[in-house]
Amino acid sequence: MELTLDPNKSKNFIRNYENNKLYIGKTIFSHNLLISDKSIEKWVINDINNLVNGDMEDILLFKPEIIIIGTGESQIMPSNEIINFIHGKKIGLEFMITESACKTFNLLISEGRKVVAGLIV
């Protein structure tokens, strides 16, 4: 599904997400990603269903104001431990299916927000 036109200047605008692939710029990714306005990295996590604080450490290196976690095709809710860990650092945290996470990431990047998304494909 084509997400939206690219009206912003970020090189990491997510053009499309379908069939377990992320289309960012001219590159197609078929693995889990950490993405910010300036960086794209492979996100190595053991199990999105059992996310632990340690899985969030790589995300925190970006010093975001908002973290979005795209949980794949199914909505998964984080543990209270994860919520308290991130909120204790005064960082916003949202969990949603990956398609919605891509759209939300693009919107926040276009507003100039300091956002990082962890996306499960």
Protein backbone atom coordinates (compact mmCIF):
# COMPACT_ATOMS: atom_id res chain seq x y z
CA MET A 1 0.00 0.00 0.00
CA GLU A 2 1.47 3.36 -1.02
CA LEU A 3 1.60 5.42 2.16
CA THR A 4 1.82 9.03 1.04
CA LEU A 5 3.71 11.51 -1.09
CA ASP A 6 7.10 12.61 0.25
CA PRO A 7 6.69 16.31 1.14
CA ASN A 8 9.54 16.43 3.67
CA LYS A 9 13.29 16.56 3.40
CA SER A 10 14.16 13.46 5.45
CA LYS A 11 16.06 10.87 3.46
CA ASN A 12 14.37 8.21 5.58
CA PHE A 13 10.80 8.77 4.52
CA ILE A 14 8.97 5.41 4.38
CA ARG A 15 7.41 5.24 0.93
CA ASN A 16 5.64 1.94 1.28
CA TYR A 17 5.10 -1.10 3.51
CA GLU A 18 3.64 -4.29 2.06
CA ASN A 19 4.34 -8.02 1.89
CA ASN A 20 6.71 -7.78 4.87
CA LYS A 21 8.93 -5.25 3.11
CA LEU A 22 9.74 -1.62 3.88
CA TYR A 23 10.45 0.75 0.99
CA ILE A 24 12.62 3.64 2.12
CA GLY A 25 14.09 5.88 -0.55
CA LYS A 26 15.24 3.55 -3.30
CA THR A 27 16.00 0.67 -0.92
CA ILE A 28 13.80 -2.29 0.01
CA PHE A 29 14.25 -3.80 3.50
CA SER A 30 12.94 -7.21 4.51
CA HIS A 31 14.30 -7.26 8.06
CA ASN A 32 13.34 -5.48 11.28
CA LEU A 33 14.57 -1.89 11.42
CA LEU A 34 15.37 0.97 13.72
CA ILE A 35 14.77 4.17 11.81
CA SER A 36 15.16 7.86 12.62
CA ASP A 37 15.32 10.90 10.39
CA LYS A 38 19.06 10.34 9.85
CA SER A 39 19.69 6.64 10.39
CA ILE A 40 18.49 3.17 9.43
CA GLU A 41 19.81 0.13 11.27
CA LYS A 42 18.90 -3.53 11.48
CA TRP A 43 16.98 -4.12 14.73
CA VAL A 44 17.98 -7.42 16.26
CA ILE A 45 15.41 -8.50 18.83
CA ASN A 46 14.60 -11.98 20.05
CA ASP A 47 10.81 -11.81 20.29
CA ILE A 48 8.46 -8.83 19.98
CA ASN A 49 5.97 -10.68 22.18
CA ASN A 50 8.48 -10.75 25.04
CA LEU A 51 10.19 -7.40 24.65
CA VAL A 52 12.49 -6.50 27.54
CA ASN A 53 14.19 -3.27 28.60
CA GLY A 54 17.43 -4.43 26.99
CA ASP A 55 15.68 -4.54 23.60
CA MET A 56 15.04 -0.80 23.97
CA GLU A 57 18.67 0.18 24.65
CA ASP A 58 19.59 0.60 20.97
CA ILE A 59 16.57 2.84 20.49
CA LEU A 60 17.55 5.03 23.44
CA LEU A 61 20.95 5.75 21.84
CA PHE A 62 19.07 7.96 19.35
CA LYS A 63 17.87 10.18 22.24
CA PRO A 64 14.30 10.35 20.90
CA GLU A 65 11.39 12.31 22.30
CA ILE A 66 9.00 9.68 20.91
CA ILE A 67 9.44 5.95 20.29
CA ILE A 68 7.08 4.10 17.95
CA ILE A 69 7.11 0.32 17.87
CA GLY A 70 5.57 -1.33 14.83
CA THR A 71 4.57 -4.81 15.97
CA GLY A 72 4.06 -6.48 12.59
CA GLU A 73 0.58 -7.43 11.42
CA SER A 74 -0.87 -7.89 14.92
CA GLN A 75 -1.21 -5.36 17.71
CA ILE A 76 0.96 -6.29 20.69
CA MET A 77 0.86 -4.42 23.96
CA PRO A 78 4.08 -3.82 25.91
CA SER A 79 4.61 -4.94 29.48
CA ASN A 80 4.20 -2.42 32.28
CA GLU A 81 7.95 -2.81 32.84
CA ILE A 82 8.70 -1.47 29.33
CA ILE A 83 6.15 1.35 29.66
CA ASN A 84 7.54 2.46 33.03
CA PHE A 85 11.15 2.16 31.83
CA ILE A 86 10.58 4.43 28.82
CA HIS A 87 8.19 6.89 30.49
CA GLY A 88 10.67 7.17 33.38
CA LYS A 89 13.06 8.68 30.84
CA LYS A 90 10.38 11.24 29.83
CA ILE A 91 10.02 9.68 26.36
CA GLY A 92 6.70 9.03 24.64
CA LEU A 93 6.01 5.42 23.65
CA GLU A 94 3.45 4.03 21.21
CA PHE A 95 2.88 0.44 20.06
CA MET A 96 0.85 -0.21 16.88
CA ILE A 97 0.80 -2.46 13.83
CA THR A 98 3.71 -1.75 11.51
CA GLU A 99 1.61 -0.19 8.74
CA SER A 100 0.25 2.41 11.19
CA ALA A 101 3.70 2.89 12.70
CA CYS A 102 5.10 3.77 9.25
CA LYS A 103 2.41 6.40 8.69
CA THR A 104 2.87 7.85 12.17
CA PHE A 105 6.66 7.94 11.75
CA ASN A 106 6.33 9.85 8.46
CA LEU A 107 3.91 12.34 10.00
CA LEU A 108 6.13 13.01 13.01
CA ILE A 109 9.27 13.32 10.86
CA SER A 110 7.46 15.83 8.62
CA GLU A 111 6.70 17.87 11.77
CA GLY A 112 10.39 17.87 12.67
CA ARG A 113 9.89 15.69 15.77
CA LYS A 114 12.73 13.62 17.17
CA VAL A 115 11.20 10.18 16.64
CA VAL A 116 12.62 6.69 16.35
CA ALA A 117 10.66 3.71 15.11
CA GLY A 118 11.40 0.06 15.76
CA LEU A 119 9.64 -1.77 12.95
CA ILE A 120 8.88 -5.47 12.81
CA VAL A 121 8.42 -6.65 9.23
